[in-house]
N, C-alpha and C. Protein backbone atom coordinates (compact mmCIF):
# COMPACT_ATOMS: atom_id res chain seq x y z
N MET A 1 61.96 103.65 58.91
CA MET A 1 62.08 104.46 60.10
C MET A 1 61.32 103.81 61.25
N LYS A 2 60.10 103.28 60.98
CA LYS A 2 59.31 102.65 62.01
C LYS A 2 60.03 101.43 62.56
N LEU A 3 60.63 100.61 61.69
CA LEU A 3 61.38 99.43 62.12
C LEU A 3 62.54 99.83 63.01
N ARG A 4 63.23 100.89 62.64
CA ARG A 4 64.37 101.36 63.44
C ARG A 4 63.90 101.79 64.82
N ALA A 5 62.79 102.48 64.89
CA ALA A 5 62.25 102.92 66.17
C ALA A 5 61.85 101.72 67.02
N LEU A 6 61.25 100.70 66.40
CA LEU A 6 60.89 99.49 67.14
C LEU A 6 62.13 98.78 67.66
N ALA A 7 63.15 98.68 66.84
CA ALA A 7 64.38 98.01 67.26
C ALA A 7 65.04 98.78 68.40
N LEU A 8 65.06 100.07 68.31
CA LEU A 8 65.64 100.89 69.37
C LEU A 8 64.84 100.74 70.65
N GLY A 9 63.52 100.76 70.54
CA GLY A 9 62.68 100.59 71.71
C GLY A 9 62.88 99.22 72.35
N ALA A 10 63.03 98.20 71.52
CA ALA A 10 63.26 96.85 72.05
C ALA A 10 64.58 96.79 72.80
N GLY A 11 65.58 97.47 72.29
CA GLY A 11 66.87 97.49 72.98
C GLY A 11 66.78 98.17 74.33
N ILE A 12 66.02 99.23 74.39
CA ILE A 12 65.85 99.94 75.65
C ILE A 12 65.09 99.07 76.64
N ILE A 13 64.07 98.37 76.17
CA ILE A 13 63.32 97.47 77.04
C ILE A 13 64.23 96.36 77.54
N ALA A 14 65.02 95.78 76.65
CA ALA A 14 65.91 94.69 77.05
C ALA A 14 66.92 95.18 78.08
N VAL A 15 67.44 96.37 77.90
CA VAL A 15 68.40 96.92 78.86
C VAL A 15 67.74 97.14 80.20
N SER A 16 66.53 97.66 80.20
CA SER A 16 65.88 97.91 81.47
C SER A 16 65.50 96.61 82.17
N ALA A 17 65.25 95.54 81.41
CA ALA A 17 64.87 94.26 82.00
C ALA A 17 66.09 93.51 82.54
N THR A 18 67.26 93.81 81.99
CA THR A 18 68.48 93.13 82.42
C THR A 18 69.62 94.12 82.40
N ALA A 19 70.58 93.91 83.23
CA ALA A 19 71.73 94.80 83.25
C ALA A 19 72.62 94.51 82.06
N ALA A 20 73.12 95.52 81.42
CA ALA A 20 74.01 95.34 80.29
C ALA A 20 75.31 94.71 80.76
N VAL A 21 75.90 93.87 79.91
CA VAL A 21 77.12 93.16 80.25
C VAL A 21 78.32 94.10 80.22
N GLY A 22 78.39 94.99 79.29
CA GLY A 22 79.50 95.92 79.15
C GLY A 22 79.43 96.57 77.79
N ALA A 23 80.45 97.33 77.47
CA ALA A 23 80.47 98.00 76.18
C ALA A 23 80.54 96.98 75.06
N VAL A 24 79.83 97.27 74.00
CA VAL A 24 79.82 96.40 72.82
C VAL A 24 81.09 96.67 72.03
N SER A 25 81.71 95.60 71.54
CA SER A 25 82.89 95.77 70.68
C SER A 25 82.59 95.17 69.32
N GLU A 26 83.29 95.66 68.33
CA GLU A 26 83.07 95.17 66.96
C GLU A 26 83.40 93.69 66.83
N SER A 27 84.24 93.16 67.71
CA SER A 27 84.58 91.73 67.65
C SER A 27 83.39 90.84 68.02
N GLN A 28 82.35 91.42 68.59
CA GLN A 28 81.16 90.65 68.95
C GLN A 28 80.17 90.52 67.80
N PHE A 29 80.49 91.10 66.67
CA PHE A 29 79.66 91.02 65.46
C PHE A 29 80.34 90.11 64.46
N PRO A 30 79.81 88.99 64.08
CA PRO A 30 78.64 88.34 64.63
C PRO A 30 78.98 87.73 65.98
N PRO A 31 77.95 87.44 66.78
CA PRO A 31 78.21 86.89 68.11
C PRO A 31 78.70 85.46 68.03
N HIS A 32 79.76 85.18 68.77
CA HIS A 32 80.30 83.81 68.81
C HIS A 32 79.72 83.05 69.99
N THR A 33 79.49 83.74 71.10
CA THR A 33 79.00 83.10 72.32
C THR A 33 77.68 83.75 72.74
N VAL A 34 77.01 83.10 73.67
CA VAL A 34 75.79 83.69 74.24
C VAL A 34 76.12 85.04 74.88
N ALA A 35 77.27 85.14 75.55
CA ALA A 35 77.67 86.42 76.15
C ALA A 35 77.78 87.51 75.09
N ASP A 36 78.33 87.19 73.92
CA ASP A 36 78.40 88.16 72.82
C ASP A 36 77.00 88.57 72.39
N LEU A 37 76.12 87.59 72.26
CA LEU A 37 74.75 87.87 71.83
C LEU A 37 74.05 88.78 72.84
N ILE A 38 74.22 88.51 74.11
CA ILE A 38 73.64 89.36 75.15
C ILE A 38 74.20 90.78 75.05
N ALA A 39 75.49 90.89 74.84
CA ALA A 39 76.11 92.22 74.74
C ALA A 39 75.50 93.04 73.61
N ILE A 40 75.27 92.42 72.46
CA ILE A 40 74.70 93.19 71.34
C ILE A 40 73.18 93.36 71.47
N CYS A 41 72.54 92.49 72.24
CA CYS A 41 71.09 92.63 72.42
C CYS A 41 70.72 93.59 73.54
N ALA A 42 71.64 93.85 74.45
CA ALA A 42 71.34 94.72 75.59
C ALA A 42 72.46 95.71 75.86
N PRO A 43 72.80 96.53 74.86
CA PRO A 43 73.86 97.53 75.09
C PRO A 43 73.33 98.65 75.99
N SER A 44 74.24 99.34 76.61
CA SER A 44 73.82 100.49 77.41
C SER A 44 73.36 101.61 76.48
N ASN A 45 72.52 102.47 76.99
CA ASN A 45 71.96 103.56 76.18
C ASN A 45 73.03 104.49 75.64
N ASP A 46 74.17 104.60 76.34
CA ASP A 46 75.22 105.51 75.89
C ASP A 46 76.31 104.81 75.08
N ASP A 47 76.13 103.54 74.78
CA ASP A 47 77.12 102.81 73.99
C ASP A 47 77.12 103.35 72.57
N PRO A 48 78.28 103.71 72.03
CA PRO A 48 78.34 104.24 70.67
C PRO A 48 77.81 103.27 69.61
N LEU A 49 77.84 101.98 69.90
CA LEU A 49 77.36 100.98 68.95
C LEU A 49 75.93 100.51 69.26
N MET A 50 75.22 101.22 70.13
CA MET A 50 73.90 100.76 70.55
C MET A 50 72.96 100.51 69.39
N THR A 51 72.78 101.46 68.50
CA THR A 51 71.83 101.30 67.40
C THR A 51 72.23 100.13 66.51
N ALA A 52 73.49 100.07 66.15
CA ALA A 52 73.96 98.96 65.31
C ALA A 52 73.79 97.62 66.03
N ALA A 53 74.09 97.60 67.32
CA ALA A 53 74.00 96.36 68.09
C ALA A 53 72.56 95.87 68.17
N VAL A 54 71.64 96.75 68.52
CA VAL A 54 70.24 96.34 68.65
C VAL A 54 69.69 95.89 67.30
N ASN A 55 69.99 96.61 66.25
CA ASN A 55 69.53 96.21 64.92
C ASN A 55 70.12 94.86 64.53
N PHE A 56 71.39 94.65 64.80
CA PHE A 56 72.03 93.38 64.47
C PHE A 56 71.39 92.26 65.29
N CYS A 57 71.19 92.49 66.58
CA CYS A 57 70.58 91.50 67.47
C CYS A 57 69.23 91.05 66.92
N GLN A 58 68.40 92.00 66.61
CA GLN A 58 67.05 91.67 66.13
C GLN A 58 67.13 90.90 64.81
N GLY A 59 68.00 91.33 63.90
CA GLY A 59 68.15 90.63 62.63
C GLY A 59 68.71 89.23 62.81
N TYR A 60 69.67 89.09 63.70
CA TYR A 60 70.29 87.79 63.97
C TYR A 60 69.24 86.81 64.50
N ALA A 61 68.49 87.24 65.50
CA ALA A 61 67.49 86.37 66.11
C ALA A 61 66.39 86.01 65.11
N GLU A 62 65.88 87.01 64.41
CA GLU A 62 64.82 86.76 63.44
C GLU A 62 65.31 85.87 62.30
N GLY A 63 66.52 86.13 61.82
CA GLY A 63 67.08 85.30 60.75
C GLY A 63 67.29 83.86 61.19
N ALA A 64 67.79 83.67 62.42
CA ALA A 64 68.00 82.31 62.93
C ALA A 64 66.69 81.55 63.01
N VAL A 65 65.65 82.21 63.51
CA VAL A 65 64.34 81.57 63.62
C VAL A 65 63.79 81.26 62.22
N ASP A 66 63.90 82.19 61.30
CA ASP A 66 63.40 81.97 59.94
C ASP A 66 64.10 80.79 59.27
N VAL A 67 65.42 80.71 59.40
CA VAL A 67 66.17 79.61 58.78
C VAL A 67 65.78 78.28 59.41
N GLU A 68 65.66 78.26 60.73
CA GLU A 68 65.29 77.01 61.41
C GLU A 68 63.88 76.58 61.01
N GLU A 69 62.96 77.52 60.92
CA GLU A 69 61.60 77.17 60.51
C GLU A 69 61.58 76.66 59.07
N ALA A 70 62.41 77.21 58.20
CA ALA A 70 62.49 76.71 56.82
C ALA A 70 63.06 75.30 56.80
N HIS A 71 64.06 75.05 57.64
CA HIS A 71 64.64 73.71 57.74
C HIS A 71 63.59 72.71 58.23
N GLU A 72 62.83 73.11 59.23
CA GLU A 72 61.81 72.24 59.80
C GLU A 72 60.74 71.87 58.78
N ALA A 73 60.49 72.76 57.84
CA ALA A 73 59.44 72.53 56.85
C ALA A 73 59.83 71.49 55.80
N GLN A 74 61.09 71.12 55.74
CA GLN A 74 61.54 70.13 54.76
C GLN A 74 61.05 68.74 55.16
N ARG A 75 60.88 67.90 54.20
CA ARG A 75 60.41 66.53 54.45
C ARG A 75 61.32 65.86 55.49
N GLY A 76 60.72 65.36 56.55
CA GLY A 76 61.48 64.70 57.60
C GLY A 76 62.13 65.64 58.57
N GLY A 77 61.91 66.94 58.41
CA GLY A 77 62.52 67.92 59.31
C GLY A 77 61.98 67.76 60.72
N ARG A 78 62.85 67.97 61.69
CA ARG A 78 62.46 67.86 63.10
C ARG A 78 62.34 69.27 63.67
N LYS A 79 61.23 69.55 64.29
CA LYS A 79 61.00 70.87 64.87
C LYS A 79 61.75 70.99 66.19
N LEU A 80 62.55 72.03 66.31
CA LEU A 80 63.26 72.29 67.55
C LEU A 80 62.40 73.06 68.54
N PHE A 81 61.51 73.89 68.01
CA PHE A 81 60.65 74.71 68.85
C PHE A 81 59.40 75.04 68.07
N CYS A 82 58.34 75.40 68.78
CA CYS A 82 57.08 75.77 68.15
C CYS A 82 56.60 77.08 68.73
N LEU A 83 56.84 78.15 68.01
CA LEU A 83 56.42 79.47 68.48
C LEU A 83 54.91 79.56 68.44
N PRO A 84 54.32 80.20 69.43
CA PRO A 84 52.86 80.35 69.43
C PRO A 84 52.43 81.36 68.37
N THR A 85 51.14 81.33 68.05
CA THR A 85 50.55 82.30 67.15
C THR A 85 49.53 83.08 67.95
N PRO A 86 49.64 84.38 68.01
CA PRO A 86 50.68 85.21 67.42
C PRO A 86 52.01 85.04 68.18
N ARG A 87 53.07 85.38 67.48
CA ARG A 87 54.40 85.28 68.08
C ARG A 87 54.53 86.24 69.25
N PRO A 88 55.32 85.85 70.24
CA PRO A 88 55.54 86.78 71.35
C PRO A 88 56.29 88.02 70.87
N PRO A 89 56.09 89.15 71.52
CA PRO A 89 56.82 90.36 71.11
C PRO A 89 58.33 90.10 71.17
N ARG A 90 59.03 90.51 70.14
CA ARG A 90 60.47 90.25 70.03
C ARG A 90 61.24 90.79 71.23
N SER A 91 60.89 91.99 71.68
CA SER A 91 61.62 92.58 72.81
C SER A 91 61.45 91.76 74.07
N ALA A 92 60.25 91.27 74.33
CA ALA A 92 60.02 90.44 75.51
C ALA A 92 60.74 89.10 75.38
N ALA A 93 60.71 88.51 74.19
CA ALA A 93 61.38 87.23 73.98
C ALA A 93 62.89 87.38 74.19
N LEU A 94 63.48 88.45 73.70
CA LEU A 94 64.91 88.65 73.88
C LEU A 94 65.25 88.93 75.34
N ALA A 95 64.42 89.70 76.04
CA ALA A 95 64.65 89.95 77.46
C ALA A 95 64.58 88.65 78.25
N ASN A 96 63.63 87.77 77.89
CA ASN A 96 63.51 86.47 78.56
C ASN A 96 64.71 85.58 78.25
N PHE A 97 65.20 85.63 77.02
CA PHE A 97 66.39 84.87 76.65
C PHE A 97 67.59 85.32 77.49
N ILE A 98 67.75 86.62 77.64
CA ILE A 98 68.88 87.16 78.41
C ILE A 98 68.78 86.71 79.86
N ALA A 99 67.60 86.79 80.43
CA ALA A 99 67.42 86.35 81.82
C ALA A 99 67.72 84.86 81.95
N TRP A 100 67.27 84.06 80.99
CA TRP A 100 67.53 82.61 80.99
C TRP A 100 69.04 82.36 80.95
N ALA A 101 69.73 83.04 80.08
CA ALA A 101 71.18 82.83 79.92
C ALA A 101 71.93 83.22 81.19
N LYS A 102 71.55 84.33 81.78
CA LYS A 102 72.25 84.81 82.98
C LYS A 102 71.94 83.97 84.21
N ALA A 103 70.84 83.22 84.19
CA ALA A 103 70.48 82.40 85.34
C ALA A 103 71.51 81.30 85.59
N ARG A 104 72.20 80.88 84.55
CA ARG A 104 73.28 79.89 84.66
C ARG A 104 74.47 80.43 83.89
N PRO A 105 75.46 80.97 84.57
CA PRO A 105 76.60 81.58 83.89
C PRO A 105 77.31 80.67 82.89
N ALA A 106 77.25 79.36 83.06
CA ALA A 106 77.89 78.45 82.10
C ALA A 106 77.28 78.60 80.71
N ARG A 107 76.04 79.04 80.64
CA ARG A 107 75.38 79.23 79.34
C ARG A 107 76.04 80.35 78.54
N LEU A 108 76.68 81.28 79.22
CA LEU A 108 77.27 82.43 78.53
C LEU A 108 78.40 82.03 77.59
N ASP A 109 79.03 80.89 77.84
CA ASP A 109 80.14 80.43 77.00
C ASP A 109 79.68 79.54 75.85
N MET A 110 78.40 79.22 75.79
CA MET A 110 77.88 78.39 74.70
C MET A 110 77.96 79.16 73.38
N PRO A 111 78.03 78.45 72.25
CA PRO A 111 77.89 79.14 70.97
C PRO A 111 76.55 79.89 70.93
N ALA A 112 76.55 81.07 70.38
CA ALA A 112 75.36 81.93 70.39
C ALA A 112 74.14 81.23 69.80
N ILE A 113 74.28 80.61 68.66
CA ILE A 113 73.13 79.99 68.01
C ILE A 113 72.63 78.80 68.80
N ASP A 114 73.53 78.04 69.40
CA ASP A 114 73.12 76.90 70.23
C ASP A 114 72.31 77.39 71.43
N GLY A 115 72.81 78.42 72.09
CA GLY A 115 72.11 78.96 73.24
C GLY A 115 70.72 79.46 72.87
N LEU A 116 70.63 80.16 71.74
CA LEU A 116 69.34 80.69 71.29
C LEU A 116 68.36 79.55 71.04
N PHE A 117 68.80 78.50 70.34
CA PHE A 117 67.91 77.39 70.02
C PHE A 117 67.57 76.54 71.25
N ILE A 118 68.50 76.36 72.17
CA ILE A 118 68.20 75.62 73.40
C ILE A 118 67.16 76.38 74.22
N TYR A 119 67.32 77.71 74.28
CA TYR A 119 66.33 78.53 74.98
C TYR A 119 64.95 78.38 74.32
N LEU A 120 64.90 78.54 73.00
CA LEU A 120 63.62 78.47 72.29
C LEU A 120 62.96 77.10 72.46
N ALA A 121 63.77 76.03 72.41
CA ALA A 121 63.23 74.68 72.56
C ALA A 121 62.64 74.47 73.96
N GLY A 122 63.28 75.04 74.97
CA GLY A 122 62.77 74.91 76.33
C GLY A 122 61.57 75.79 76.60
N ARG A 123 61.58 76.98 76.04
CA ARG A 123 60.50 77.95 76.27
C ARG A 123 59.27 77.65 75.44
N TYR A 124 59.48 77.15 74.21
CA TYR A 124 58.38 76.89 73.28
C TYR A 124 58.48 75.47 72.74
N PRO A 125 58.31 74.48 73.62
CA PRO A 125 58.42 73.10 73.15
C PRO A 125 57.27 72.75 72.20
N CYS A 126 57.54 71.82 71.32
CA CYS A 126 56.53 71.35 70.38
C CYS A 126 55.76 70.17 70.99
N PRO A 127 54.49 70.08 70.65
CA PRO A 127 53.77 68.89 71.08
C PRO A 127 54.38 67.67 70.41
N ALA A 128 54.28 66.53 71.03
CA ALA A 128 54.82 65.29 70.45
C ALA A 128 54.01 64.92 69.21
N THR A 129 54.65 65.11 68.04
CA THR A 129 54.00 64.79 66.77
C THR A 129 55.02 64.16 65.85
N ALA A 130 54.55 63.67 64.73
CA ALA A 130 55.43 63.12 63.71
C ALA A 130 56.21 64.25 63.06
N PRO A 131 57.39 63.96 62.49
CA PRO A 131 58.15 64.99 61.79
C PRO A 131 57.33 65.61 60.66
N VAL A 132 57.63 66.85 60.35
CA VAL A 132 56.94 67.57 59.29
C VAL A 132 57.15 66.86 57.96
N GLY A 133 56.12 66.80 57.14
CA GLY A 133 56.25 66.25 55.79
C GLY A 133 56.03 64.74 55.72
N GLN A 134 55.65 64.11 56.82
CA GLN A 134 55.43 62.66 56.76
C GLN A 134 53.98 62.35 56.98
């Protein structure tokens, strides 16, 4: 219940920080483009799919980061981004991602995962170091 409340609150924060793109449709699950990802991360409060969209958004972003960090930990893995410790609040990070994507409309047509990782790499660059595991 607490996780659901946090996810719902994050969605409301994201919506207030950025204007919602439009009604969420089931075809946007999973997101194919950055525009799809924004739609599910920032649905309007009256969208019938709001709860599902916000929960999916949070899970998608967290899962993508977890998988990438696991990949980076492999011998010779290259780090795409280095999140600070403690990690930034998820709601703020998603609101910043949405603002970044909307700043250049061409980004909206990028594959969702590419856009997310390009944003993270630019926002949280890694110091110049040797690959992990070497």
